[in-house]
PDB file of N, CA and C in Angstrom:
ATOM      1  N   MET A   1     116.807 161.414  52.848  1.00  0.00           N
ATOM      2  CA  MET A   1     117.972 160.364  52.674  1.00  0.00           C
ATOM      3  C   MET A   1     119.633 161.656  52.519  1.00  0.00           C
ATOM      4  N   PRO A   2     120.484 161.858  53.366  1.00  0.00           N
ATOM      5  CA  PRO A   2     120.854 162.970  53.782  1.00  0.00           C
ATOM      6  C   PRO A   2     121.479 163.201  52.295  1.00  0.00           C
ATOM      7  N   VAL A   3     122.458 164.120  51.932  1.00  0.00           N
ATOM      8  CA  VAL A   3     122.218 164.675  50.469  1.00  0.00           C
ATOM      9  C   VAL A   3     124.143 165.835  50.769  1.00  0.00           C
ATOM     10  N   THR A   4     125.171 164.254  50.350  1.00  0.00           N
ATOM     11  CA  THR A   4     126.247 165.055  50.223  1.00  0.00           C
ATOM     12  C   THR A   4     126.589 165.613  48.427  1.00  0.00           C
ATOM     13  N   GLY A   5     127.861 166.079  48.990  1.00  0.00           N
ATOM     14  CA  GLY A   5     128.898 165.544  47.561  1.00  0.00           C
ATOM     15  C   GLY A   5     127.642 167.025  46.939  1.00  0.00           C
ATOM     16  N   LEU A   6     126.987 167.824  47.420  1.00  0.00           N
ATOM     17  CA  LEU A   6     126.298 169.160  46.301  1.00  0.00           C
ATOM     18  C   LEU A   6     127.847 170.433  46.238  1.00  0.00           C
ATOM     19  N   ASN A   7     127.886 171.544  45.847  1.00  0.00           N
ATOM     20  CA  ASN A   7     128.159 172.022  46.005  1.00  0.00           C
ATOM     21  C   ASN A   7     127.343 172.947  46.771  1.00  0.00           C
ATOM     22  N   SER A   8     127.468 174.394  47.353  1.00  0.00           N
ATOM     23  CA  SER A   8     126.586 175.784  48.071  1.00  0.00           C
ATOM     24  C   SER A   8     125.276 175.910  47.362  1.00  0.00           C
ATOM     25  N   ALA A   9     125.685 176.060  46.075  1.00  0.00           N
ATOM     26  CA  ALA A   9     124.494 176.384  44.700  1.00  0.00           C
ATOM     27  C   ALA A   9     124.046 175.358  44.642  1.00  0.00           C
ATOM     28  N   GLN A  10     123.965 174.189  44.628  1.00  0.00           N
ATOM     29  CA  GLN A  10     123.034 172.784  44.545  1.00  0.00           C
ATOM     30  C   GLN A  10     121.962 172.817  46.015  1.00  0.00           C
ATOM     31  N   ARG A  11     122.677 172.927  46.933  1.00  0.00           N
ATOM     32  CA  ARG A  11     121.557 173.026  48.062  1.00  0.00           C
ATOM     33  C   ARG A  11     120.943 173.983  47.765  1.00  0.00           C
ATOM     34  N   ALA A  12     121.157 175.577  47.812  1.00  0.00           N
ATOM     35  CA  ALA A  12     120.331 176.469  47.850  1.00  0.00           C
ATOM     36  C   ALA A  12     119.185 176.230  46.711  1.00  0.00           C
ATOM     37  N   SER A  13     119.606 175.588  45.392  1.00  0.00           N
ATOM     38  CA  SER A  13     118.540 175.615  44.251  1.00  0.00           C
ATOM     39  C   SER A  13     117.857 173.982  44.895  1.00  0.00           C
ATOM     40  N   ARG A  14     118.539 172.789  45.496  1.00  0.00           N
ATOM     41  CA  ARG A  14     117.121 172.135  45.972  1.00  0.00           C
ATOM     42  C   ARG A  14     116.580 172.601  46.959  1.00  0.00           C
ATOM     43  N   ASN A  15     117.055 173.837  47.837  1.00  0.00           N
ATOM     44  CA  ASN A  15     115.785 174.156  49.074  1.00  0.00           C
ATOM     45  C   ASN A  15     115.492 175.511  48.746  1.00  0.00           C
ATOM     46  N   ARG A  16     115.110 175.629  47.704  1.00  0.00           N
ATOM     47  CA  ARG A  16     114.020 176.483  46.286  1.00  0.00           C
ATOM     48  C   ARG A  16     113.530 175.817  46.781  1.00  0.00           C
ATOM     49  N   ARG A  17     113.496 174.667  45.962  1.00  0.00           N
ATOM     50  CA  ARG A  17     112.184 173.642  44.663  1.00  0.00           C
ATOM     51  C   ARG A  17     111.856 173.276  46.364  1.00  0.00           C
ATOM     52  N   ALA A  18     112.159 173.264  47.384  1.00  0.00           N
ATOM     53  CA  ALA A  18     111.580 172.442  47.975  1.00  0.00           C
ATOM     54  C   ALA A  18     110.170 173.638  48.920  1.00  0.00           C
ATOM     55  N   GLU A  19     110.692 174.719  49.353  1.00  0.00           N
ATOM     56  CA  GLU A  19     109.770 175.464  49.313  1.00  0.00           C
ATOM     57  C   GLU A  19     108.346 176.446  48.848  1.00  0.00           C
ATOM     58  N   THR A  20     109.479 175.577  47.055  1.00  0.00           N
ATOM     59  CA  THR A  20     107.911 175.891  46.476  1.00  0.00           C
ATOM     60  C   THR A  20     106.840 175.237  46.575  1.00  0.00           C
ATOM     61  N   LYS A  21     107.784 173.871  47.192  1.00  0.00           N
ATOM     62  CA  LYS A  21     106.309 172.778  47.043  1.00  0.00           C
ATOM     63  C   LYS A  21     105.837 172.967  48.111  1.00  0.00           C
ATOM     64  N   GLY A  22     105.970 173.922  49.910  1.00  0.00           N
ATOM     65  CA  GLY A  22     105.765 173.287  50.962  1.00  0.00           C
ATOM     66  C   GLY A  22     106.361 173.028  51.494  1.00  0.00           C
ATOM     67  N   GLU A  23     107.435 172.590  51.236  1.00  0.00           N
ATOM     68  CA  GLU A  23     107.907 171.806  51.981  1.00  0.00           C
ATOM     69  C   GLU A  23     108.757 172.453  53.131  1.00  0.00           C
ATOM     70  N   THR A  24     108.645 171.901  54.973  1.00  0.00           N
ATOM     71  CA  THR A  24     109.429 172.277  55.445  1.00  0.00           C
ATOM     72  C   THR A  24     110.671 172.131  55.407  1.00  0.00           C
ATOM     73  N   ILE A  25     111.878 172.792  55.128  1.00  0.00           N
ATOM     74  CA  ILE A  25     113.368 172.680  55.120  1.00  0.00           C
ATOM     75  C   ILE A  25     114.468 172.789  56.881  1.00  0.00           C
ATOM     76  N   MET A  26     115.064 171.548  56.293  1.00  0.00           N
ATOM     77  CA  MET A  26     115.215 171.921  57.509  1.00  0.00           C
ATOM     78  C   MET A  26     116.540 171.270  57.721  1.00  0.00           C
ATOM     79  N   PRO A  27     117.790 171.256  58.827  1.00  0.00           N
ATOM     80  CA  PRO A  27     118.980 171.886  58.797  1.00  0.00           C
ATOM     81  C   PRO A  27     120.137 171.405  58.058  1.00  0.00           C
ATOM     82  N   THR A  28     120.551 172.277  57.580  1.00  0.00           N
ATOM     83  CA  THR A  28     122.222 170.905  57.109  1.00  0.00           C
ATOM     84  C   THR A  28     123.443 170.921  57.964  1.00  0.00           C
ATOM     85  N   ILE A  29     123.263 170.218  58.623  1.00  0.00           N
ATOM     86  CA  ILE A  29     124.674 168.733  59.225  1.00  0.00           C
ATOM     87  C   ILE A  29     126.158 169.364  58.871  1.00  0.00           C
ATOM     88  N   HIS A  30     126.863 169.550  59.178  1.00  0.00           N
ATOM     89  CA  HIS A  30     127.902 170.324  58.292  1.00  0.00           C
ATOM     90  C   HIS A  30     129.154 169.339  59.216  1.00  0.00           C
ATOM     91  N   VAL A  31     129.981 168.855  59.233  1.00  0.00           N
ATOM     92  CA  VAL A  31     130.660 168.141  59.777  1.00  0.00           C
ATOM     93  C   VAL A  31     132.037 168.270  58.961  1.00  0.00           C
ATOM     94  N   GLU A  32     133.403 167.854  59.911  1.00  0.00           N
ATOM     95  CA  GLU A  32     134.565 168.376  59.970  1.00  0.00           C
ATOM     96  C   GLU A  32     134.973 166.992  59.865  1.00  0.00           C
ATOM     97  N   MET A  33     136.205 166.088  59.029  1.00  0.00           N
ATOM     98  CA  MET A  33     136.602 165.432  60.477  1.00  0.00           C
ATOM     99  C   MET A  33     138.003 165.078  59.265  1.00  0.00           C
ATOM    100  N   PHE A  34     138.820 164.263  59.898  1.00  0.00           N
ATOM    101  CA  PHE A  34     140.302 163.834  59.351  1.00  0.00           C
ATOM    102  C   PHE A  34     139.439 163.271  58.428  1.00  0.00           C
ATOM    103  N   LYS A  35     140.355 162.722  56.933  1.00  0.00           N
ATOM    104  CA  LYS A  35     140.038 162.269  56.459  1.00  0.00           C
ATOM    105  C   LYS A  35     140.356 160.386  56.713  1.00  0.00           C
ATOM    106  N   GLY A  36     139.407 159.549  55.433  1.00  0.00           N
ATOM    107  CA  GLY A  36     140.102 158.162  56.186  1.00  0.00           C
ATOM    108  C   GLY A  36     138.816 157.344  55.977  1.00  0.00           C
ATOM    109  N   ARG A  37     137.378 157.980  56.776  1.00  0.00           N
ATOM    110  CA  ARG A  37     136.222 156.638  56.158  1.00  0.00           C
ATOM    111  C   ARG A  37     136.175 156.805  55.966  1.00  0.00           C
ATOM    112  N   THR A  38     135.379 155.119  56.022  1.00  0.00           N
ATOM    113  CA  THR A  38     134.528 154.336  54.579  1.00  0.00           C
ATOM    114  C   THR A  38     133.544 155.599  54.290  1.00  0.00           C
ATOM    115  N   PRO A  39     132.597 155.095  53.612  1.00  0.00           N
ATOM    116  CA  PRO A  39     131.475 155.260  52.601  1.00  0.00           C
ATOM    117  C   PRO A  39     129.847 154.697  54.100  1.00  0.00           C
ATOM    118  N   GLU A  40     130.441 153.473  54.310  1.00  0.00           N
ATOM    119  CA  GLU A  40     129.508 153.615  56.149  1.00  0.00           C
ATOM    120  C   GLU A  40     129.764 153.827  56.532  1.00  0.00           C
ATOM    121  N   GLN A  41     130.898 153.783  57.429  1.00  0.00           N
ATOM    122  CA  GLN A  41     131.363 154.297  57.983  1.00  0.00           C
ATOM    123  C   GLN A  41     130.601 155.691  57.787  1.00  0.00           C
ATOM    124  N   LYS A  42     130.035 156.536  57.080  1.00  0.00           N
ATOM    125  CA  LYS A  42     129.980 158.489  56.602  1.00  0.00           C
ATOM    126  C   LYS A  42     128.270 157.821  57.152  1.00  0.00           C
ATOM    127  N   LYS A  43     127.864 157.145  56.572  1.00  0.00           N
ATOM    128  CA  LYS A  43     126.817 156.997  56.760  1.00  0.00           C
ATOM    129  C   LYS A  43     126.823 156.526  58.179  1.00  0.00           C
ATOM    130  N   ARG A  44     126.756 155.565  59.067  1.00  0.00           N
ATOM    131  CA  ARG A  44     126.660 155.395  59.693  1.00  0.00           C
ATOM    132  C   ARG A  44     126.326 156.835  61.116  1.00  0.00           C
ATOM    133  N   ILE A  45     127.463 157.260  60.224  1.00  0.00           N
ATOM    134  CA  ILE A  45     127.618 158.575  61.292  1.00  0.00           C
ATOM    135  C   ILE A  45     126.808 159.800  60.874  1.00  0.00           C
ATOM    136  N   ALA A  46     125.928 159.988  59.450  1.00  0.00           N
ATOM    137  CA  ALA A  46     125.103 160.241  59.401  1.00  0.00           C
ATOM    138  C   ALA A  46     123.818 160.550  60.150  1.00  0.00           C
ATOM    139  N   LYS A  47     123.059 159.071  60.286  1.00  0.00           N
ATOM    140  CA  LYS A  47     122.590 158.829  60.152  1.00  0.00           C
ATOM    141  C   LYS A  47     121.854 159.036  61.955  1.00  0.00           C
ATOM    142  N   GLU A  48     122.885 158.723  63.161  1.00  0.00           N
ATOM    143  CA  GLU A  48     123.014 159.274  64.248  1.00  0.00           C
ATOM    144  C   GLU A  48     122.969 160.510  64.574  1.00  0.00           C
ATOM    145  N   LEU A  49     123.304 161.150  63.647  1.00  0.00           N
ATOM    146  CA  LEU A  49     123.376 163.149  63.897  1.00  0.00           C
ATOM    147  C   LEU A  49     122.250 163.562  63.179  1.00  0.00           C
ATOM    148  N   VAL A  50     121.266 162.581  62.168  1.00  0.00           N
ATOM    149  CA  VAL A  50     119.869 163.183  62.253  1.00  0.00           C
ATOM    150  C   VAL A  50     119.044 162.873  63.413  1.00  0.00           C
ATOM    151  N   ASP A  51     118.939 161.308  63.421  1.00  0.00           N
ATOM    152  CA  ASP A  51     118.491 160.508  64.802  1.00  0.00           C
ATOM    153  C   ASP A  51     118.826 160.954  65.772  1.00  0.00           C
ATOM    154  N   GLY A  52     119.517 161.763  66.622  1.00  0.00           N
ATOM    155  CA  GLY A  52     119.572 162.248  66.829  1.00  0.00           C
ATOM    156  C   GLY A  52     119.419 164.153  67.525  1.00  0.00           C
ATOM    157  N   PHE A  53     119.380 164.966  66.987  1.00  0.00           N
ATOM    158  CA  PHE A  53     118.732 166.026  66.286  1.00  0.00           C
ATOM    159  C   PHE A  53     117.283 165.532  66.715  1.00  0.00           C
ATOM    160  N   ILE A  54     117.090 164.824  65.344  1.00  0.00           N
ATOM    161  CA  ILE A  54     115.248 164.761  66.068  1.00  0.00           C
ATOM    162  C   ILE A  54     114.436 164.338  67.211  1.00  0.00           C
ATOM    163  N   ARG A  55     115.255 163.427  68.198  1.00  0.00           N
ATOM    164  CA  ARG A  55     115.306 163.232  69.609  1.00  0.00           C
ATOM    165  C   ARG A  55     115.125 164.982  69.778  1.00  0.00           C
ATOM    166  N   GLY A  56     115.740 165.125  69.681  1.00  0.00           N
ATOM    167  CA  GLY A  56     116.218 166.417  70.666  1.00  0.00           C
ATOM    168  C   GLY A  56     115.088 167.609  70.588  1.00  0.00           C
ATOM    169  N   ALA A  57     115.400 167.822  68.762  1.00  0.00           N
ATOM    170  CA  ALA A  57     113.955 168.600  68.805  1.00  0.00           C
ATOM    171  C   ALA A  57     112.762 168.126  69.174  1.00  0.00           C
ATOM    172  N   GLY A  58     112.389 166.724  68.956  1.00  0.00           N
ATOM    173  CA  GLY A  58     111.001 166.397  68.814  1.00  0.00           C
ATOM    174  C   GLY A  58     110.463 166.033  67.778  1.00  0.00           C
ATOM    175  N   SER A  59     111.304 166.281  66.145  1.00  0.00           N
ATOM    176  CA  SER A  59     109.844 165.999  65.382  1.00  0.00           C
ATOM    177  C   SER A  59     110.813 165.591  64.750  1.00  0.00           C
ATOM    178  N   GLY A  60     110.672 165.610  63.296  1.00  0.00           N
ATOM    179  CA  GLY A  60     111.593 166.519  62.464  1.00  0.00           C
ATOM    180  C   GLY A  60     111.673 164.429  61.538  1.00  0.00           C
ATOM    181  N   ARG A  61     111.629 165.150  59.546  1.00  0.00           N
ATOM    182  CA  ARG A  61     111.611 163.630  58.983  1.00  0.00           C
ATOM    183  C   ARG A  61     113.507 163.490  58.432  1.00  0.00           C
ATOM    184  N   PRO A  62     113.499 162.157  58.783  1.00  0.00           N
ATOM    185  CA  PRO A  62     115.185 161.656  58.005  1.00  0.00           C
ATOM    186  C   PRO A  62     114.912 162.237  56.675  1.00  0.00           C
ATOM    187  N   GLU A  63     114.242 162.391  55.603  1.00  0.00           N
ATOM    188  CA  GLU A  63     114.078 163.117  54.239  1.00  0.00           C
ATOM    189  C   GLU A  63     114.370 164.047  53.702  1.00  0.00           C
ATOM    190  N   ALA A  64     114.339 164.719  55.242  1.00  0.00           N
ATOM    191  CA  ALA A  64     114.740 166.555  55.340  1.00  0.00           C
ATOM    192  C   ALA A  64     116.076 167.049  56.242  1.00  0.00           C
ATOM    193  N   PHE A  65     116.424 166.067  56.604  1.00  0.00           N
ATOM    194  CA  PHE A  65     117.647 166.563  55.886  1.00  0.00           C
ATOM    195  C   PHE A  65     119.120 165.963  55.486  1.00  0.00           C
ATOM    196  N   GLN A  66     119.616 166.747  55.579  1.00  0.00           N
ATOM    197  CA  GLN A  66     121.385 166.814  54.722  1.00  0.00           C
ATOM    198  C   GLN A  66     122.572 166.839  55.675  1.00  0.00           C
ATOM    199  N   VAL A  67     123.099 166.289  55.154  1.00  0.00           N
ATOM    200  CA  VAL A  67     124.890 166.121  56.177  1.00  0.00           C
ATOM    201  C   VAL A  67     125.873 166.104  55.422  1.00  0.00           C
ATOM    202  N   LEU A  68     126.701 166.951  55.515  1.00  0.00           N
ATOM    203  CA  LEU A  68     127.419 167.152  54.456  1.00  0.00           C
ATOM    204  C   LEU A  68     129.086 167.090  55.226  1.00  0.00           C
ATOM    205  N   PHE A  69     129.868 166.426  54.865  1.00  0.00           N
ATOM    206  CA  PHE A  69     131.228 165.865  55.388  1.00  0.00           C
ATOM    207  C   PHE A  69     131.915 166.985  54.620  1.00  0.00           C
ATOM    208  N   THR A  70     132.822 167.030  55.409  1.00  0.00           N
ATOM    209  CA  THR A  70     133.864 167.988  54.978  1.00  0.00           C
ATOM    210  C   THR A  70     135.379 167.135  55.374  1.00  0.00           C
ATOM    211  N   GLU A  71     136.443 166.677  54.539  1.00  0.00           N
ATOM    212  CA  GLU A  71     137.456 165.504  54.833  1.00  0.00           C
ATOM    213  C   GLU A  71     138.656 166.051  54.408  1.00  0.00           C
ATOM    214  N   VAL A  72     138.950 166.687  56.238  1.00  0.00           N
ATOM    215  CA  VAL A  72     140.047 167.390  56.611  1.00  0.00           C
ATOM    216  C   VAL A  72     141.325 166.455  56.498  1.00  0.00           C
ATOM    217  N   ASP A  73     142.683 167.083  55.570  1.00  0.00           N
ATOM    218  CA  ASP A  73     144.358 166.593  55.669  1.00  0.00           C
ATOM    219  C   ASP A  73     144.511 166.469  56.848  1.00  0.00           C
ATOM    220  N   LYS A  74     145.164 166.109  57.847  1.00  0.00           N
ATOM    221  CA  LYS A  74     145.718 166.089  59.040  1.00  0.00           C
ATOM    222  C   LYS A  74     146.966 167.502  59.522  1.00  0.00           C
ATOM    223  N   ASP A  75     147.124 167.827  58.550  1.00  0.00           N
ATOM    224  CA  ASP A  75     148.532 168.419  57.766  1.00  0.00           C
ATOM    225  C   ASP A  75     148.405 169.786  57.642  1.00  0.00           C
ATOM    226  N   ASP A  76     146.372 169.655  57.214  1.00  0.00           N
ATOM    227  CA  ASP A  76     145.848 171.043  56.730  1.00  0.00           C
ATOM    228  C   ASP A  76     145.138 171.492  58.309  1.00  0.00           C
ATOM    229  N   TRP A  77     144.811 170.351  59.471  1.00  0.00           N
ATOM    230  CA  TRP A  77     144.339 171.326  60.708  1.00  0.00           C
ATOM    231  C   TRP A  77     145.671 171.604  61.892  1.00  0.00           C
ATOM    232  N   VAL A  78     146.044 172.430  62.526  1.00  0.00           N
ATOM    233  CA  VAL A  78     146.089 173.719  63.325  1.00  0.00           C
ATOM    234  C   VAL A  78     145.875 173.925  64.433  1.00  0.00           C
ATOM    235  N   VAL A  79     146.283 173.957  65.796  1.00  0.00           N
ATOM    236  CA  VAL A  79     146.240 173.665  66.646  1.00  0.00           C
ATOM    237  C   VAL A  79     147.368 174.108  67.149  1.00  0.00           C
ATOM    238  N   GLY A  80     147.290 175.616  67.593  1.00  0.00           N
ATOM    239  CA  GLY A  80     148.306 176.382  67.991  1.00  0.00           C
ATOM    240  C   GLY A  80     149.428 176.396  67.569  1.00  0.00           C
ATOM    241  N   TYR A  81     150.584 175.551  66.956  1.00  0.00           N
ATOM    242  CA  TYR A  81     151.250 175.233  66.313  1.00  0.00           C
ATOM    243  C   TYR A  81     151.678 174.400  65.683  1.00  0.00           C
ATOM    244  N   ASP A  82     150.612 173.141  66.107  1.00  0.00           N
ATOM    245  CA  ASP A  82     151.180 172.140  66.243  1.00  0.00           C
ATOM    246  C   ASP A  82     150.374 171.532  64.997  1.00  0.00           C
ATOM    247  N   THR A  83     150.102 170.814  63.972  1.00  0.00           N
ATOM    248  CA  THR A  83     149.431 169.677  62.953  1.00  0.00           C
ATOM    249  C   THR A  83     149.091 169.022  64.056  1.00  0.00           C
ATOM    250  N   MET A  84     148.102 168.643  63.001  1.00  0.00           N
ATOM    251  CA  MET A  84     146.776 166.635  64.117  1.00  0.00           C
ATOM    252  C   MET A  84     148.097 165.993  63.970  1.00  0.00           C
ATOM    253  N   ARG A  85     148.810 166.039  62.561  1.00  0.00           N
ATOM    254  CA  ARG A  85     150.184 164.174  62.512  1.00  0.00           C
ATOM    255  C   ARG A  85     149.918 164.421  63.689  1.00  0.00           C
ATOM    256  N   GLU A  86     151.530 165.899  64.002  1.00  0.00           N
ATOM    257  CA  GLU A  86     152.178 165.833  65.362  1.00  0.00           C
ATOM    258  C   GLU A  86     151.894 165.845  66.254  1.00  0.00           C
ATOM    259  N   LYS A  87     150.145 166.094  66.739  1.00  0.00           N
ATOM    260  CA  LYS A  87     149.389 165.550  67.492  1.00  0.00           C
ATOM    261  C   LYS A  87     148.953 164.749  67.709  1.00  0.00           C
ATOM    262  N   TYR A  88     148.411 164.019  67.241  1.00  0.00           N
ATOM    263  CA  TYR A  88     147.389 162.938  66.713  1.00  0.00           C
ATOM    264  C   TYR A  88     148.437 161.771  65.732  1.00  0.00           C
ATOM    265  N   PRO A  89     149.824 160.789  65.414  1.00  0.00           N
ATOM    266  CA  PRO A  89     150.504 160.806  64.692  1.00  0.00           C
ATOM    267  C   PRO A  89     149.746 159.692  64.651  1.00  0.00           C
ATOM    268  N   ASP A  90     149.463 159.155  63.085  1.00  0.00           N
ATOM    269  CA  ASP A  90     148.640 157.638  62.317  1.00  0.00           C
ATOM    270  C   ASP A  90     149.384 157.202  63.108  1.00  0.00           C
ATOM    271  N   LYS A  91     148.679 155.313  63.023  1.00  0.00           N
ATOM    272  CA  LYS A  91     149.794 154.521  64.377  1.00  0.00           C
ATOM    273  C   LYS A  91     150.556 153.648  62.797  1.00  0.00           C
TER     274      LYS A  91
END
C-alpha cells in the first residue's frame, strides 16, 4: 500500500521498524506535479509507478513501496523566466 502524507521523520521511523522485522525496504517514489489531481487519480498514478518499477526490476512487493506526492502551484514552478502558469495557462 503506498504511503502518502508522512513527513520524513515518520517515513524514517517506519523504515527502521521494517528493518528490525527483517523486511526489505523498497524505494520511495517522489512525484512532483501541478495541483488538481483527485485522490483516485493519485491512486492510479501510484499503482502504475509501482507496477512499472516491479516490472523493470523483475521483482518486488507493492506493499513495500511508498509513493509521495508533492503538489506544486503553477506560480511556484519557474522554468527560465516564465512560471508554468504563463507557459500552461488554465483552461
